[in-house]
C-alpha atoms as a PDB file:
ATOM      1  CA  MET A   1      -8.426  -4.120 -17.617  1.00  0.00           C
ATOM      2  CA  THR A   2     -10.395  -1.928 -15.243  1.00  0.00           C
ATOM      3  CA  GLN A   3     -10.774  -2.557 -11.532  1.00  0.00           C
ATOM      4  CA  GLN A   4     -14.428  -3.372 -12.176  1.00  0.00           C
ATOM      5  CA  GLN A   5     -13.562  -5.980 -14.816  1.00  0.00           C
ATOM      6  CA  LEU A   6     -10.933  -7.569 -12.598  1.00  0.00           C
ATOM      7  CA  ALA A   7     -13.331  -7.642  -9.651  1.00  0.00           C
ATOM      8  CA  GLU A   8     -15.971  -9.363 -11.764  1.00  0.00           C
ATOM      9  CA  LYS A   9     -13.480 -11.992 -12.947  1.00  0.00           C
ATOM     10  CA  VAL A  10     -12.290 -12.630  -9.387  1.00  0.00           C
ATOM     11  CA  GLY A  11     -15.825 -12.592  -7.971  1.00  0.00           C
ATOM     12  CA  ILE A  12     -15.488  -9.672  -5.553  1.00  0.00           C
ATOM     13  CA  LYS A  13     -16.566  -6.032  -5.452  1.00  0.00           C
ATOM     14  CA  PHE A  14     -14.350  -3.459  -7.158  1.00  0.00           C
ATOM     15  CA  GLN A  15     -13.959  -1.583  -3.860  1.00  0.00           C
ATOM     16  CA  GLN A  16     -12.020  -4.599  -2.568  1.00  0.00           C
ATOM     17  CA  ILE A  17      -9.691  -4.391  -5.577  1.00  0.00           C
ATOM     18  CA  GLN A  18      -9.167  -0.713  -4.735  1.00  0.00           C
ATOM     19  CA  LYS A  19      -8.288  -1.613  -1.155  1.00  0.00           C
ATOM     20  CA  TYR A  20      -5.756  -4.176  -2.390  1.00  0.00           C
ATOM     21  CA  GLU A  21      -4.263  -1.636  -4.792  1.00  0.00           C
ATOM     22  CA  THR A  22      -3.874   1.074  -2.164  1.00  0.00           C
ATOM     23  CA  GLY A  23      -2.587  -1.330   0.466  1.00  0.00           C
ATOM     24  CA  ALA A  24      -5.525  -0.737   2.804  1.00  0.00           C
ATOM     25  CA  ASN A  25      -6.135  -4.515   2.771  1.00  0.00           C
ATOM     26  CA  ARG A  26      -3.644  -7.315   2.341  1.00  0.00           C
ATOM     27  CA  VAL A  27      -4.026  -9.847  -0.448  1.00  0.00           C
ATOM     28  CA  SER A  28      -4.250 -13.435   0.763  1.00  0.00           C
ATOM     29  CA  ALA A  29      -2.419 -16.181  -1.106  1.00  0.00           C
ATOM     30  CA  SER A  30      -5.662 -17.644  -2.433  1.00  0.00           C
ATOM     31  CA  ARG A  31      -6.876 -14.234  -3.603  1.00  0.00           C
ATOM     32  CA  LEU A  32      -3.509 -13.579  -5.273  1.00  0.00           C
ATOM     33  CA  TRP A  33      -3.971 -16.891  -7.081  1.00  0.00           C
ATOM     34  CA  ASP A  34      -7.438 -15.766  -8.252  1.00  0.00           C
ATOM     35  CA  ILE A  35      -6.090 -12.399  -9.428  1.00  0.00           C
ATOM     36  CA  ALA A  36      -3.212 -14.034 -11.302  1.00  0.00           C
ATOM     37  CA  ASP A  37      -5.695 -16.395 -12.965  1.00  0.00           C
ATOM     38  CA  ALA A  38      -7.973 -13.499 -13.940  1.00  0.00           C
ATOM     39  CA  LEU A  39      -5.021 -11.609 -15.416  1.00  0.00           C
ATOM     40  CA  ASP A  40      -3.732 -14.774 -17.104  1.00  0.00           C
ATOM     41  CA  VAL A  41      -0.277 -14.476 -15.511  1.00  0.00           C
ATOM     42  CA  PRO A  42       1.596 -16.867 -13.224  1.00  0.00           C
ATOM     43  CA  VAL A  43       1.568 -16.001  -9.504  1.00  0.00           C
ATOM     44  CA  ALA A  44       5.350 -15.577  -9.765  1.00  0.00           C
ATOM     45  CA  PHE A  45       4.668 -12.514 -11.947  1.00  0.00           C
ATOM     46  CA  PHE A  46       3.913 -10.527  -8.779  1.00  0.00           C
ATOM     47  CA  PHE A  47       7.306 -11.418  -7.302  1.00  0.00           C
ATOM     48  CA  GLU A  48       9.565 -10.739 -10.287  1.00  0.00           C
ATOM     49  CA  GLY A  49      12.788  -9.004  -9.331  1.00  0.00           C
ATOM     50  CA  ILE A  50      12.723  -9.885  -5.636  1.00  0.00           C
ATOM     51  CA  GLU A  51      15.553 -12.425  -5.842  1.00  0.00           C
ATOM     52  CA  GLU A  52      17.794 -10.060  -7.788  1.00  0.00           C
ATOM     53  CA  ALA A  53      17.210  -7.279  -5.274  1.00  0.00           C
ATOM     54  CA  GLN A  54      18.098  -9.588  -2.384  1.00  0.00           C
ATOM     55  CA  GLN A  55      21.218 -10.914  -4.112  1.00  0.00           C
ATOM     56  CA  GLU A  56      22.499  -7.451  -4.986  1.00  0.00           C
ATOM     57  CA  GLY A  57      22.043  -6.277  -1.416  1.00  0.00           C
ATOM     58  CA  ALA A  58      20.444  -3.049  -0.480  1.00  0.00           C
ATOM     59  CA  ALA A  59      22.406   0.087  -1.198  1.00  0.00           C
ATOM     60  CA  PRO A  60      22.331   2.759   1.502  1.00  0.00           C
ATOM     61  CA  ALA A  61      19.020   4.560   1.254  1.00  0.00           C
ATOM     62  CA  THR A  62      18.877   8.217   0.411  1.00  0.00           C
ATOM     63  CA  ALA A  63      15.956  10.439   1.343  1.00  0.00           C
ATOM     64  CA  SER A  64      14.423  10.030  -2.123  1.00  0.00           C
ATOM     65  CA  ASP A  65      14.823   6.223  -1.946  1.00  0.00           C
ATOM     66  CA  ALA A  66      12.900   6.135   1.324  1.00  0.00           C
ATOM     67  CA  VAL A  67       9.728   7.481  -0.320  1.00  0.00           C
ATOM     68  CA  PRO A  68       7.664   4.742  -2.003  1.00  0.00           C
ATOM     69  CA  SER A  69       6.824   5.411  -5.644  1.00  0.00           C
ATOM     70  CA  ASP A  70       3.140   4.948  -4.804  1.00  0.00           C
ATOM     71  CA  LEU A  71       3.053   6.769  -1.492  1.00  0.00           C
ATOM     72  CA  LEU A  72      -0.624   6.207  -0.753  1.00  0.00           C
ATOM     73  CA  GLY A  73      -0.257   2.568  -1.724  1.00  0.00           C
ATOM     74  CA  ASP A  74       2.114   2.103   1.218  1.00  0.00           C
ATOM     75  CA  LYS A  75       0.086   1.056   4.276  1.00  0.00           C
ATOM     76  CA  GLU A  76       2.463   2.645   6.775  1.00  0.00           C
ATOM     77  CA  ALA A  77       2.419   5.962   4.910  1.00  0.00           C
ATOM     78  CA  LEU A  78      -1.359   5.873   4.664  1.00  0.00           C
ATOM     79  CA  ASP A  79      -1.656   5.201   8.413  1.00  0.00           C
ATOM     80  CA  LEU A  80       0.762   8.055   9.095  1.00  0.00           C
ATOM     81  CA  VAL A  81      -1.258  10.480   6.955  1.00  0.00           C
ATOM     82  CA  ARG A  82      -4.504   9.460   8.654  1.00  0.00           C
ATOM     83  CA  SER A  83      -2.936   9.895  12.093  1.00  0.00           C
ATOM     84  CA  TYR A  84      -1.432  13.227  11.082  1.00  0.00           C
ATOM     85  CA  TYR A  85      -4.807  14.655  10.079  1.00  0.00           C
ATOM     86  CA  ALA A  86      -6.377  13.406  13.323  1.00  0.00           C
ATOM     87  CA  ILE A  87      -4.111  15.821  15.250  1.00  0.00           C
ATOM     88  CA  PRO A  88      -5.485  19.332  15.935  1.00  0.00           C
ATOM     89  CA  GLU A  89      -4.278  21.855  13.358  1.00  0.00           C
ATOM     90  CA  ASN A  90      -2.005  23.946  15.597  1.00  0.00           C
ATOM     91  CA  GLN A  91      -0.226  20.827  16.879  1.00  0.00           C
ATOM     92  CA  ARG A  92      -0.106  19.413  13.355  1.00  0.00           C
ATOM     93  CA  ARG A  93       1.818  22.478  12.124  1.00  0.00           C
ATOM     94  CA  ARG A  94       4.341  22.102  14.941  1.00  0.00           C
ATOM     95  CA  LEU A  95       4.731  18.396  14.178  1.00  0.00           C
ATOM     96  CA  PHE A  96       5.257  19.207  10.501  1.00  0.00           C
ATOM     97  CA  GLU A  97       8.015  21.687  11.334  1.00  0.00           C
ATOM     98  CA  LEU A  98       9.656  19.160  13.658  1.00  0.00           C
ATOM     99  CA  ALA A  99       9.572  16.504  10.913  1.00  0.00           C
ATOM    100  CA  ARG A 100      11.072  18.973   8.436  1.00  0.00           C
ATOM    101  CA  VAL A 101      13.925  19.837  10.804  1.00  0.00           C
ATOM    102  CA  LEU A 102      14.590  16.159  11.582  1.00  0.00           C
ATOM    103  CA  SER A 103      14.679  15.253   7.906  1.00  0.00           C
ATOM    104  CA  ASP A 104      17.173  18.045   7.217  1.00  0.00           C
ATOM    105  CA  VAL A 105      19.442  16.726   9.985  1.00  0.00           C
ATOM    106  CA  ALA A 106      19.235  13.073   8.858  1.00  0.00           C
END
């Protein structure tokens, strides 16, 4: 199903679906219900695996674990990237080098 088809079934514009998908906007409970209905899945479908992850406990994170699989879908990462590019280029390069050094030390 395309974003356009899902948007039509839910009764919103496809741009809103894109914002949900990228994490730019949060999905309300009622909207999640509408999306689940449009996809013909139970709302619980979106939460599968959460209980198992909590019961197993979180293993110590490695650097690769800390990076979300969909980086631009993570709101915090997206905000960080936007802020980063708002910094003047010469300062941005220095910040990048600082981040690289800090990540090597961690």
